[in-house]
């Protein structure tokens, strides 16, 4: 009741109501834009590839980040993925290139890095457009875009349109960040996932024999997965920090104590994105270099349709590995030990400097095990559900489309929960500033 009362208070406030309505308007406009197709698309070939093609698993990953635009090969088919890739590249290079590392610490340096990210998103969008078209063409014998790569003007038109669509999607996300509620890029992805739920839910209801079973399994999976996501995402390990006392004249400063909150899962769903993109790469290789051969067919059937056991094993290992790798990179870039030493803080019983950094890294790796294991299980949950379904019902006809675990998907749920929690916190901050009671517990 307290939550509903707080939401009513947010609607009553004119400025908050404007922000909420503005966010909804942008999300609706984005969804309309996802139905504008790229020039020259063969809709029949695309529909066959998306529903039953060998590359359906890979297309599902792209569709997740594009807000549902890949299934119609819209001008927004790239979505905001090039921008996310550019962000990750800039972040990783910050720990390798000294100039970028110094820029991160300078006043106004973060704004400059954001500008570099926008510039980098343009060539990344162009590269993704080329790669996305070539990969999708490799999964089918019927061209998705007839005349692509042979008609120069058509090729330029398609690539330019898709790259412009990327920048348009980023611009709409920035409008939400500046004028609406929540992180704009995350809200764009959030809206796309929510828009796909009715269609995916309708598919599992279309089975006249197993529809009730599918609904029950979907409900149980969603509840348990959401609870697990909240526990893992919000779980932190608090490292105590003590600040030394400083005397200046007749006044005493410092001497307080606080803590460093280390999150169990500090990287969100980024490992899932990387792993799902890489694990389908063998299917792409099979379609390009080994077409119409037994080896090529095995690669495409195993890694492209997300039905083979090797696919799930490899994806689990990649998710766990990427979680540890990206967490280490983030911890190194934060320079926690250096910042503590500069501010006169220390961890009791640990020497300042390198010993503190090693201690933080060791603790982070230990608690990351739970986060990595959770993300790995979340990634292979659809495969686990296929095995469990066969044991419980004896049916062996479960596909990607009819799998209850794929209505939203674990990666989609992680995004949904994260965006909802972040948005509610922003609403809470706005209401607290206006002397309303907090509604987040």
Protein backbone atom coordinates (compact mmCIF):
# COMPACT_ATOMS: atom_id res chain seq x y z
CA UNK A 1 0.00 0.00 0.00
CA UNK A 2 2.87 2.35 0.79
CA UNK A 3 4.28 1.81 -2.69
CA UNK A 4 0.93 2.55 -4.34
CA UNK A 5 0.51 5.66 -2.21
CA UNK A 6 3.96 6.89 -3.22
CA UNK A 7 3.17 6.28 -6.90
CA UNK A 8 -0.04 8.26 -6.51
CA UNK A 9 1.97 11.07 -4.95
CA UNK A 10 4.36 10.99 -7.91
CA UNK A 11 1.44 11.29 -10.34
CA UNK A 12 -0.01 14.23 -8.37
CA UNK A 13 3.21 16.25 -8.65
CA UNK A 14 3.15 18.14 -11.98
CA UNK A 15 6.89 17.90 -12.71
CA UNK A 16 7.13 14.19 -11.83
CA UNK A 17 3.97 13.45 -13.79
CA UNK A 18 5.50 15.22 -16.78
CA UNK A 19 8.69 13.15 -16.47
CA UNK A 20 6.77 9.88 -16.27
CA UNK A 21 4.51 10.71 -19.22
CA UNK A 22 7.50 11.94 -21.23
CA UNK A 23 9.32 8.63 -20.62
CA UNK A 24 6.27 6.61 -21.69
CA UNK A 25 5.89 8.75 -24.83
CA UNK A 26 9.53 8.16 -25.87
CA UNK A 27 9.23 4.40 -25.29
CA UNK A 28 6.03 4.23 -27.36
CA UNK A 29 7.63 6.28 -30.15
CA UNK A 30 10.64 3.93 -30.13
CA UNK A 31 8.39 0.90 -30.47
CA UNK A 32 6.66 2.49 -33.46
CA UNK A 33 10.08 3.08 -35.05
CA UNK A 34 11.03 -0.60 -34.57
CA UNK A 35 8.41 -1.51 -37.18
CA UNK A 36 9.97 0.61 -39.96
CA UNK A 37 11.92 -1.94 -42.05
CA UNK A 38 15.28 -1.46 -43.69
CA UNK A 39 14.92 -0.88 -47.47
CA UNK A 40 14.84 -4.07 -49.52
CA UNK A 41 14.16 -6.62 -46.75
CA UNK A 42 12.67 -9.97 -47.81
CA UNK A 43 10.02 -10.35 -45.10
CA UNK A 44 9.24 -14.00 -45.87
CA UNK A 45 12.89 -15.07 -45.59
CA UNK A 46 13.31 -13.03 -42.41
CA UNK A 47 10.25 -14.57 -40.78
CA UNK A 48 11.49 -18.09 -41.52
CA UNK A 49 14.93 -17.30 -40.10
CA UNK A 50 13.64 -15.69 -36.91
CA UNK A 51 11.16 -18.45 -36.04
CA UNK A 52 12.80 -21.70 -37.17
CA UNK A 53 16.19 -20.77 -38.60
CA UNK A 54 19.56 -22.04 -37.40
CA UNK A 55 20.52 -18.63 -36.15
CA UNK A 56 17.46 -18.11 -33.94
CA UNK A 57 19.58 -18.16 -30.77
CA UNK A 58 21.95 -15.49 -31.98
CA UNK A 59 19.08 -13.36 -33.30
CA UNK A 60 17.43 -13.59 -29.87
CA UNK A 61 20.49 -11.92 -28.32
CA UNK A 62 20.46 -9.11 -30.87
CA UNK A 63 16.70 -8.73 -30.54
CA UNK A 64 17.03 -8.31 -26.78
CA UNK A 65 19.31 -5.28 -27.05
CA UNK A 66 17.55 -3.72 -30.02
CA UNK A 67 14.22 -3.51 -28.25
CA UNK A 68 12.64 -6.11 -30.55
CA UNK A 69 13.71 -4.44 -33.81
CA UNK A 70 15.70 -7.38 -35.24
CA UNK A 71 12.64 -9.59 -35.77
CA UNK A 72 11.36 -7.05 -38.32
CA UNK A 73 14.88 -5.96 -39.40
CA UNK A 74 13.96 -2.39 -38.63
CA UNK A 75 16.08 0.71 -39.14
CA UNK A 76 16.70 0.33 -35.38
CA UNK A 77 17.92 -3.26 -35.74
CA UNK A 78 21.30 -2.31 -34.24
CA UNK A 79 19.53 -0.88 -31.22
CA UNK A 80 21.79 0.64 -28.57
CA UNK A 81 24.25 -2.26 -28.67
CA UNK A 82 26.97 -0.27 -30.53
CA UNK A 83 26.84 2.36 -27.80
CA UNK A 84 27.09 -0.30 -25.07
CA UNK A 85 30.04 -1.86 -26.92
CA UNK A 86 31.71 1.56 -27.22
CA UNK A 87 31.21 2.14 -23.48
CA UNK A 88 32.82 -1.19 -22.64
CA UNK A 89 35.76 -0.52 -24.99
CA UNK A 90 36.40 2.93 -23.51
CA UNK A 91 36.16 1.49 -20.01
CA UNK A 92 38.59 -1.34 -20.76
CA UNK A 93 41.03 0.98 -22.54
CA UNK A 94 41.00 3.24 -19.47
CA UNK A 95 43.08 0.66 -17.64
CA UNK A 96 45.49 0.18 -20.55
CA UNK A 97 46.07 3.67 -22.00
CA UNK A 98 47.59 6.07 -19.41
CA UNK A 99 46.11 9.14 -21.12
CA UNK A 100 42.57 7.81 -20.74
CA UNK A 101 43.27 6.80 -17.14
CA UNK A 102 44.44 10.33 -16.34
CA UNK A 103 41.43 11.78 -18.14
CA UNK A 104 39.07 9.77 -15.90
CA UNK A 105 40.51 11.52 -12.83
CA UNK A 106 40.50 15.06 -14.22
CA UNK A 107 37.62 17.52 -13.64
CA UNK A 108 35.29 17.23 -16.60
CA UNK A 109 37.11 14.13 -17.80
CA UNK A 110 34.04 11.92 -17.60
CA UNK A 111 32.12 14.26 -19.93
CA UNK A 112 34.99 14.05 -22.40
CA UNK A 113 34.97 10.24 -22.22
CA UNK A 114 31.22 10.25 -22.85
CA UNK A 115 31.86 12.34 -25.96
CA UNK A 116 34.48 9.84 -27.15
CA UNK A 117 31.93 7.08 -26.54
CA UNK A 118 29.40 8.77 -28.84
CA UNK A 119 32.04 9.17 -31.55
CA UNK A 120 33.09 5.53 -31.23
CA UNK A 121 29.47 4.37 -31.41
CA UNK A 122 29.25 5.54 -35.06
CA UNK A 123 31.90 3.18 -36.51
CA UNK A 124 30.74 0.46 -34.11
CA UNK A 125 27.21 0.87 -35.48
CA UNK A 126 28.51 0.60 -39.04
CA UNK A 127 30.54 -2.52 -38.22
CA UNK A 128 27.61 -4.11 -36.44
CA UNK A 129 25.32 -3.41 -39.39
CA UNK A 130 27.76 -5.16 -41.75
CA UNK A 131 28.31 -8.06 -39.38
CA UNK A 132 24.64 -8.46 -38.52
CA UNK A 133 23.57 -8.64 -42.15
CA UNK A 134 26.35 -11.06 -43.11
CA UNK A 135 25.68 -13.32 -40.12
CA UNK A 136 21.96 -13.47 -40.77
CA UNK A 137 22.56 -14.14 -44.47
CA UNK A 138 24.87 -17.05 -43.54
CA UNK A 139 22.04 -18.81 -41.69
CA UNK A 140 19.74 -19.02 -44.72
CA UNK A 141 19.98 -19.80 -48.41
CA UNK A 142 17.40 -17.12 -49.25
CA UNK A 143 18.90 -13.60 -49.10
CA UNK A 144 17.49 -11.46 -46.32
CA UNK A 145 18.20 -8.34 -48.40
CA UNK A 146 18.29 -9.27 -52.12
CA UNK A 147 20.93 -7.24 -53.91
CA UNK A 148 22.98 -6.48 -50.80
CA UNK A 149 26.75 -6.41 -51.53
CA UNK A 150 26.07 -6.55 -55.29
CA UNK A 151 24.08 -3.33 -55.63
CA UNK A 152 26.39 -0.55 -54.39
CA UNK A 153 23.70 2.07 -53.87
CA UNK A 154 21.43 -0.37 -52.01
CA UNK A 155 24.33 -1.46 -49.79
CA UNK A 156 25.24 2.12 -48.90
CA UNK A 157 21.58 2.93 -48.27
CA UNK A 158 21.09 -0.03 -45.94
CA UNK A 159 24.29 0.55 -43.93
CA UNK A 160 23.69 4.30 -43.65
CA UNK A 161 20.11 3.77 -42.54
CA UNK A 162 21.05 1.24 -39.86
CA UNK A 163 23.89 3.40 -38.53
CA UNK A 164 21.60 6.44 -38.41
CA UNK A 165 19.04 4.28 -36.59
CA UNK A 166 21.66 3.51 -33.94
CA UNK A 167 22.33 7.18 -33.29
CA UNK A 168 18.58 7.87 -33.26
CA UNK A 169 18.09 5.18 -30.60
CA UNK A 170 20.95 6.65 -28.51
CA UNK A 171 19.42 10.12 -28.87
CA UNK A 172 16.04 8.89 -27.65
CA UNK A 173 17.72 7.23 -24.70
CA UNK A 174 19.48 10.49 -23.83
CA UNK A 175 16.13 12.32 -23.98
CA UNK A 176 14.79 9.97 -21.30
CA UNK A 177 17.90 10.46 -19.16
CA UNK A 178 17.70 14.24 -19.37
CA UNK A 179 13.95 14.87 -19.32
CA UNK A 180 12.36 11.65 -18.08
CA UNK A 181 12.79 9.07 -15.32
CA UNK A 182 15.53 6.43 -15.22
CA UNK A 183 18.58 5.66 -17.31
CA UNK A 184 17.57 6.22 -20.93
CA UNK A 185 19.60 3.46 -22.56
CA UNK A 186 18.39 0.92 -20.00
CA UNK A 187 14.80 2.12 -20.41
CA UNK A 188 14.99 1.60 -24.18
CA UNK A 189 16.06 -2.02 -23.68
CA UNK A 190 13.47 -2.40 -20.90
CA UNK A 191 10.68 -1.24 -23.21
CA UNK A 192 11.78 -3.64 -25.93
CA UNK A 193 11.76 -6.63 -23.60
CA UNK A 194 8.34 -5.79 -22.22
CA UNK A 195 6.97 -5.32 -25.75
CA UNK A 196 8.04 -8.87 -26.69
CA UNK A 197 6.43 -10.59 -23.68
CA UNK A 198 2.82 -10.75 -25.04
CA UNK A 199 3.98 -12.34 -28.30
CA UNK A 200 6.21 -14.90 -26.56
CA UNK A 201 3.54 -15.66 -23.99
CA UNK A 202 1.02 -16.23 -26.76
CA UNK A 203 3.33 -18.83 -28.30
CA UNK A 204 3.42 -21.00 -25.16
CA UNK A 205 -0.37 -20.65 -24.91
CA UNK A 206 -0.83 -21.91 -28.46
CA UNK A 207 -0.11 -25.51 -27.44
CA UNK A 208 -3.60 -26.90 -26.72
CA UNK A 209 -2.28 -29.86 -24.71
CA UNK A 210 0.42 -28.25 -22.58
CA UNK A 211 -0.68 -24.62 -22.27
CA UNK A 212 -1.62 -24.87 -18.58
CA UNK A 213 1.66 -26.62 -17.76
CA UNK A 214 3.58 -23.94 -19.64
CA UNK A 215 1.81 -21.12 -17.78
CA UNK A 216 2.46 -22.70 -14.36
CA UNK A 217 6.14 -23.33 -15.15
CA UNK A 218 6.53 -19.79 -16.49
CA UNK A 219 4.98 -18.31 -13.35
CA UNK A 220 7.14 -20.36 -10.98
CA UNK A 221 10.32 -19.64 -12.95
CA UNK A 222 9.59 -15.92 -13.04
CA UNK A 223 8.91 -15.65 -9.30
CA UNK A 224 11.95 -17.67 -8.21
CA UNK A 225 14.25 -16.01 -10.75
CA UNK A 226 13.17 -12.50 -9.76
CA UNK A 227 13.71 -13.28 -6.06
CA UNK A 228 17.16 -14.72 -6.82
CA UNK A 229 18.07 -11.71 -8.98
CA UNK A 230 17.12 -9.25 -6.23
CA UNK A 231 19.10 -11.19 -3.61
CA UNK A 232 22.21 -11.43 -5.80
CA UNK A 233 22.01 -7.95 -7.31
CA UNK A 234 21.48 -6.23 -3.97
CA UNK A 235 23.87 -8.46 -2.03
CA UNK A 236 27.03 -6.68 -0.81
CA UNK A 237 30.04 -7.43 1.33
CA UNK A 238 30.91 -4.49 3.55
CA UNK A 239 34.63 -3.99 4.20
CA UNK A 240 35.18 -1.75 7.28
CA UNK A 241 37.26 1.39 6.76
CA UNK A 242 38.75 3.55 9.50
CA UNK A 243 39.93 7.15 9.04
CA UNK A 244 42.82 8.49 11.09
CA UNK A 245 42.43 11.57 13.28
CA UNK A 246 44.01 14.81 12.10
CA UNK A 247 44.53 17.88 14.29
CA UNK A 248 44.71 21.31 12.72
CA UNK A 249 45.08 24.12 15.21
CA UNK A 250 42.48 23.53 17.90
CA UNK A 251 40.19 21.43 15.71
CA UNK A 252 40.20 17.69 15.16
CA UNK A 253 39.20 16.15 11.85
CA UNK A 254 38.54 12.59 10.77
CA UNK A 255 38.59 9.62 13.07
CA UNK A 256 35.32 8.25 11.74
CA UNK A 257 34.55 4.83 10.33
CA UNK A 258 32.62 3.66 7.29
CA UNK A 259 32.67 0.74 4.87
CA UNK A 260 33.31 -0.17 1.25
CA UNK A 261 30.29 -2.00 -0.25
CA UNK A 262 31.49 -4.70 -2.65
CA UNK A 263 28.59 -6.11 -4.69
CA UNK A 264 28.21 -9.84 -5.21
CA UNK A 265 27.41 -9.15 -8.87
CA UNK A 266 29.14 -5.92 -9.81
CA UNK A 267 28.91 -6.36 -13.59
CA UNK A 268 25.19 -6.85 -14.17
CA UNK A 269 24.35 -8.78 -17.32
CA UNK A 270 27.41 -7.80 -19.38
CA UNK A 271 28.94 -11.33 -19.11
CA UNK A 272 25.68 -12.77 -20.48
CA UNK A 273 25.86 -10.47 -23.51
CA UNK A 274 29.48 -11.33 -24.25
CA UNK A 275 29.03 -15.06 -23.74
CA UNK A 276 25.90 -15.36 -25.84
CA UNK A 277 27.53 -13.44 -28.67
CA UNK A 278 30.71 -15.55 -28.63
CA UNK A 279 29.10 -18.95 -28.11
CA UNK A 280 27.10 -18.61 -31.32
CA UNK A 281 30.23 -17.69 -33.29
CA UNK A 282 30.95 -21.36 -34.29
CA UNK A 283 27.56 -21.43 -35.99
CA UNK A 284 28.54 -18.34 -37.98
CA UNK A 285 31.82 -19.99 -39.00
CA UNK A 286 29.94 -23.10 -40.07
CA UNK A 287 27.52 -21.08 -42.18
CA UNK A 288 30.26 -19.05 -43.90
CA UNK A 289 33.13 -21.52 -44.41
CA UNK A 290 31.43 -24.94 -44.23
CA UNK A 291 28.04 -24.53 -45.95
CA UNK A 292 26.11 -27.69 -46.84
CA UNK A 293 28.66 -29.99 -45.15
CA UNK A 294 28.14 -32.38 -42.21
CA UNK A 295 30.59 -30.41 -40.06
CA UNK A 296 28.98 -27.10 -40.93
CA UNK A 297 25.51 -28.50 -40.25
CA UNK A 298 26.70 -29.80 -36.86
CA UNK A 299 28.12 -26.40 -35.91
CA UNK A 300 24.94 -24.61 -36.90
CA UNK A 301 22.61 -27.15 -35.24
CA UNK A 302 24.66 -27.26 -32.02
CA UNK A 303 25.52 -23.61 -31.50
CA UNK A 304 23.00 -21.78 -33.67
CA UNK A 305 19.71 -23.30 -32.52
CA UNK A 306 20.67 -23.37 -28.81
CA UNK A 307 19.58 -26.99 -28.61
CA UNK A 308 22.89 -28.85 -28.25
CA UNK A 309 24.45 -29.75 -24.91
CA UNK A 310 27.81 -28.33 -25.98
CA UNK A 311 26.18 -24.94 -26.43
CA UNK A 312 24.99 -24.76 -22.84
CA UNK A 313 28.25 -26.09 -21.36
CA UNK A 314 30.31 -23.56 -23.32
CA UNK A 315 27.95 -20.70 -22.47
CA UNK A 316 28.09 -21.51 -18.75
CA UNK A 317 31.90 -21.53 -18.74
CA UNK A 318 32.10 -18.30 -20.75
CA UNK A 319 29.64 -16.48 -18.47
CA UNK A 320 31.58 -17.50 -15.35
CA UNK A 321 34.91 -16.54 -16.97
CA UNK A 322 33.66 -13.17 -18.23
CA UNK A 323 32.17 -12.36 -14.82
CA UNK A 324 35.53 -12.80 -13.11
CA UNK A 325 37.40 -10.98 -15.88
CA UNK A 326 35.15 -7.93 -16.04
CA UNK A 327 34.90 -7.68 -12.24
CA UNK A 328 38.71 -7.64 -11.98
CA UNK A 329 38.90 -4.91 -14.61
CA UNK A 330 36.34 -2.76 -12.76
CA UNK A 331 38.09 -3.18 -9.40
CA UNK A 332 41.46 -2.24 -10.89
CA UNK A 333 40.03 0.88 -12.51
CA UNK A 334 38.40 2.11 -9.30
CA UNK A 335 41.80 2.37 -7.51
CA UNK A 336 40.13 1.89 -4.14
CA UNK A 337 43.40 1.50 -2.22
CA UNK A 338 44.86 4.68 -3.72
CA UNK A 339 41.72 6.69 -2.98
CA UNK A 340 41.61 5.41 0.60
CA UNK A 341 45.26 6.29 1.19
CA UNK A 342 44.77 9.76 -0.25
CA UNK A 343 41.83 10.40 2.07
CA UNK A 344 43.61 9.04 5.14
CA UNK A 345 41.56 5.88 5.35
CA UNK A 346 42.67 2.30 5.94
CA UNK A 347 41.25 -1.17 6.44
CA UNK A 348 41.94 -2.35 10.01
CA UNK A 349 44.69 -4.95 10.07
CA UNK A 350 45.71 -4.34 6.43
CA UNK A 351 48.69 -2.24 5.34
CA UNK A 352 47.82 0.71 3.06
CA UNK A 353 48.82 0.58 -0.60
CA UNK A 354 49.37 -2.66 -2.50
CA UNK A 355 48.38 -4.87 0.44
CA UNK A 356 45.00 -3.12 0.61
CA UNK A 357 44.47 -3.52 -3.12
CA UNK A 358 45.38 -7.22 -2.96
CA UNK A 359 42.99 -7.71 -0.03
CA UNK A 360 40.12 -6.00 -1.86
CA UNK A 361 40.83 -8.05 -5.00
CA UNK A 362 40.93 -11.28 -2.99
CA UNK A 363 37.63 -10.54 -1.23
CA UNK A 364 36.01 -9.48 -4.51
CA UNK A 365 37.01 -12.69 -6.25
CA UNK A 366 35.68 -14.75 -3.37
CA UNK A 367 32.24 -13.13 -3.31
CA UNK A 368 32.13 -12.98 -7.13
CA UNK A 369 31.93 -16.78 -7.12
CA UNK A 370 28.29 -16.58 -6.04
CA UNK A 371 27.52 -13.92 -8.64
CA UNK A 372 29.31 -15.82 -11.43
CA UNK A 373 27.57 -19.08 -10.52
CA UNK A 374 24.20 -17.34 -10.49
CA UNK A 375 24.77 -15.71 -13.90
CA UNK A 376 25.99 -19.03 -15.32
CA UNK A 377 22.88 -20.87 -14.12
CA UNK A 378 20.66 -18.04 -15.35
CA UNK A 379 22.27 -18.26 -18.79
CA UNK A 380 21.69 -22.02 -19.15
CA UNK A 381 18.26 -22.05 -17.49
CA UNK A 382 16.43 -22.59 -20.84
CA UNK A 383 18.61 -25.66 -21.49
CA UNK A 384 17.99 -26.96 -17.98
CA UNK A 385 14.27 -26.50 -18.51
CA UNK A 386 14.37 -28.63 -21.67
CA UNK A 387 15.91 -31.52 -19.73
CA UNK A 388 13.54 -31.08 -16.77
CA UNK A 389 10.58 -30.87 -19.12
CA UNK A 390 11.50 -34.15 -20.80
CA UNK A 391 11.85 -35.86 -17.40
CA UNK A 392 8.53 -34.55 -16.06
CA UNK A 393 6.33 -34.84 -19.14
CA UNK A 394 8.17 -37.17 -21.47
CA UNK A 395 7.71 -34.81 -24.43
CA UNK A 396 10.78 -34.05 -26.52
CA UNK A 397 9.28 -31.35 -28.76
CA UNK A 398 10.24 -28.29 -26.71
CA UNK A 399 11.87 -25.67 -28.92
CA UNK A 400 13.27 -22.23 -28.25
CA UNK A 401 9.92 -20.65 -29.06
CA UNK A 402 7.81 -22.99 -26.89
CA UNK A 403 10.18 -23.04 -23.91
CA UNK A 404 8.54 -21.30 -20.90
CA UNK A 405 11.99 -20.13 -19.77
CA UNK A 406 12.35 -18.10 -22.99
CA UNK A 407 9.21 -15.96 -22.65
CA UNK A 408 11.35 -13.28 -21.02
CA UNK A 409 14.67 -15.04 -20.52
CA UNK A 410 17.02 -14.79 -17.57
CA UNK A 411 19.04 -11.99 -19.16
CA UNK A 412 15.84 -10.08 -19.83
CA UNK A 413 14.69 -10.54 -16.24
CA UNK A 414 18.03 -9.25 -14.93
CA UNK A 415 17.57 -6.13 -17.05
CA UNK A 416 13.93 -5.69 -16.00
CA UNK A 417 14.63 -6.03 -12.29
CA UNK A 418 17.67 -3.74 -12.46
CA UNK A 419 15.82 -1.03 -14.39
CA UNK A 420 12.76 -1.19 -12.12
CA UNK A 421 14.86 -0.94 -8.95
CA UNK A 422 16.93 1.93 -10.37
CA UNK A 423 13.82 3.81 -11.53
CA UNK A 424 12.08 3.36 -8.18
CA UNK A 425 15.14 4.73 -6.42
CA UNK A 426 15.08 7.80 -8.61
CA UNK A 427 11.39 8.31 -7.87
CA UNK A 428 12.16 7.86 -4.18
CA UNK A 429 14.82 10.56 -4.32
CA UNK A 430 12.43 12.95 -6.08
CA UNK A 431 9.71 12.33 -3.49
CA UNK A 432 12.04 12.63 -0.50
CA UNK A 433 13.21 16.01 -1.82
CA UNK A 434 9.57 17.08 -1.73
CA UNK A 435 9.09 15.83 1.85
CA UNK A 436 7.15 12.69 0.94
CA UNK A 437 7.88 9.50 2.88
CA UNK A 438 10.31 7.04 1.35
CA UNK A 439 8.67 4.01 -0.24
CA UNK A 440 11.78 1.87 -0.90
CA UNK A 441 12.75 -0.55 1.87
